[in-house]
C-alpha atoms as a PDB file:
ATOM      1  CA  UNK A   1      11.919   2.088  -0.359  1.00  0.00           C
ATOM      2  CA  UNK A   2      12.686   1.285   3.169  1.00  0.00           C
ATOM      3  CA  UNK A   3      10.493  -0.607   5.748  1.00  0.00           C
ATOM      4  CA  UNK A   4      11.160   2.978   8.018  1.00  0.00           C
ATOM      5  CA  UNK A   5      10.077   5.332   4.774  1.00  0.00           C
ATOM      6  CA  UNK A   6       6.295   4.016   5.133  1.00  0.00           C
ATOM      7  CA  UNK A   7       4.629   6.313   7.429  1.00  0.00           C
ATOM      8  CA  UNK A   8       0.423   6.491   7.766  1.00  0.00           C
ATOM      9  CA  UNK A   9      -1.235   8.630   5.013  1.00  0.00           C
ATOM     10  CA  UNK A  10       1.502   7.706   2.904  1.00  0.00           C
ATOM     11  CA  UNK A  11       0.090   6.342  -0.717  1.00  0.00           C
ATOM     12  CA  UNK A  12       1.180   3.218  -1.491  1.00  0.00           C
ATOM     13  CA  UNK A  13       0.440   0.299  -4.290  1.00  0.00           C
ATOM     14  CA  UNK A  14       0.705  -3.259  -4.767  1.00  0.00           C
ATOM     15  CA  UNK A  15      -0.389  -6.031  -6.596  1.00  0.00           C
ATOM     16  CA  UNK A  16      -3.527  -6.575  -4.227  1.00  0.00           C
ATOM     17  CA  UNK A  17      -4.157  -2.352  -5.340  1.00  0.00           C
ATOM     18  CA  UNK A  18      -3.705   1.064  -4.400  1.00  0.00           C
ATOM     19  CA  UNK A  19      -4.717   3.472  -1.307  1.00  0.00           C
ATOM     20  CA  UNK A  20      -3.262   5.447   2.035  1.00  0.00           C
ATOM     21  CA  UNK A  21      -1.771   3.453   5.023  1.00  0.00           C
ATOM     22  CA  UNK A  22      -3.851   3.401   7.969  1.00  0.00           C
ATOM     23  CA  UNK A  23      -1.649   1.419   9.611  1.00  0.00           C
ATOM     24  CA  UNK A  24       2.172  -0.170   9.899  1.00  0.00           C
ATOM     25  CA  UNK A  25       2.564  -3.596  12.217  1.00  0.00           C
ATOM     26  CA  UNK A  26       6.658  -2.681  12.718  1.00  0.00           C
ATOM     27  CA  UNK A  27       6.879  -6.495  14.174  1.00  0.00           C
ATOM     28  CA  UNK A  28       5.957  -8.544  11.316  1.00  0.00           C
ATOM     29  CA  UNK A  29       6.604  -5.521   8.623  1.00  0.00           C
ATOM     30  CA  UNK A  30       2.421  -5.292   7.743  1.00  0.00           C
ATOM     31  CA  UNK A  31       1.572  -2.311   6.105  1.00  0.00           C
ATOM     32  CA  UNK A  32      -2.574  -2.170   6.348  1.00  0.00           C
ATOM     33  CA  UNK A  33      -3.500   0.295   3.160  1.00  0.00           C
ATOM     34  CA  UNK A  34      -7.148   1.708   2.984  1.00  0.00           C
ATOM     35  CA  UNK A  35      -8.921   1.578  -0.899  1.00  0.00           C
ATOM     36  CA  UNK A  36      -9.043   4.875  -2.375  1.00  0.00           C
ATOM     37  CA  UNK A  37     -11.851   3.816  -3.952  1.00  0.00           C
ATOM     38  CA  UNK A  38     -14.475   1.834  -1.625  1.00  0.00           C
ATOM     39  CA  UNK A  39     -12.089   2.873   1.662  1.00  0.00           C
ATOM     40  CA  UNK A  40     -12.037  -0.863   2.466  1.00  0.00           C
ATOM     41  CA  UNK A  41      -8.828  -2.021   4.104  1.00  0.00           C
ATOM     42  CA  UNK A  42      -6.299  -4.645   2.760  1.00  0.00           C
ATOM     43  CA  UNK A  43      -2.691  -6.196   4.512  1.00  0.00           C
ATOM     44  CA  UNK A  44       0.509  -6.363   2.233  1.00  0.00           C
ATOM     45  CA  UNK A  45       4.080  -7.066   3.518  1.00  0.00           C
ATOM     46  CA  UNK A  46       6.355  -4.697   3.002  1.00  0.00           C
ATOM     47  CA  UNK A  47       8.370  -6.790   0.542  1.00  0.00           C
ATOM     48  CA  UNK A  48       4.537  -6.298  -1.600  1.00  0.00           C
ATOM     49  CA  UNK A  49       4.641  -2.606  -1.919  1.00  0.00           C
ATOM     50  CA  UNK A  50       5.522  -0.986  -5.677  1.00  0.00           C
ATOM     51  CA  UNK A  51       8.009   1.232  -5.581  1.00  0.00           C
ATOM     52  CA  UNK A  52       6.377   2.672  -8.678  1.00  0.00           C
ATOM     53  CA  UNK A  53       5.542   6.387  -7.223  1.00  0.00           C
ATOM     54  CA  UNK A  54       2.310   6.340  -9.088  1.00  0.00           C
ATOM     55  CA  UNK A  55      -0.682   4.377  -6.817  1.00  0.00           C
ATOM     56  CA  UNK A  56      -2.871   2.691  -9.586  1.00  0.00           C
ATOM     57  CA  UNK A  57      -6.392   1.089  -8.957  1.00  0.00           C
ATOM     58  CA  UNK A  58      -6.530  -2.951  -9.801  1.00  0.00           C
ATOM     59  CA  UNK A  59      -8.186  -1.609 -13.029  1.00  0.00           C
ATOM     60  CA  UNK A  60      -4.837   0.221 -14.258  1.00  0.00           C
ATOM     61  CA  UNK A  61      -2.997  -3.166 -14.424  1.00  0.00           C
ATOM     62  CA  UNK A  62      -2.443  -3.129 -18.054  1.00  0.00           C
ATOM     63  CA  UNK A  63      -0.020   0.049 -17.643  1.00  0.00           C
END
C-alpha cells in the first residue's frame, strides 16, 4: 500500500487498533483513526499500518 492510497473513510488496521480514517497529515505521514468500538481517535504512523484487508479489534490480536 502506498501513502497516496489512504483516504478518509477507509477502514484500516494497526497494532494500536482498527477503525476508520478521519484525518491524514501528509507532512508527517500520520493517519488519525476513529476506533470502531467507542469512536475514540488515535494516531498511527503510515509505517505502522497493517496491509491486511481485514480490520480487527485489539481483542482479536490472537488471530
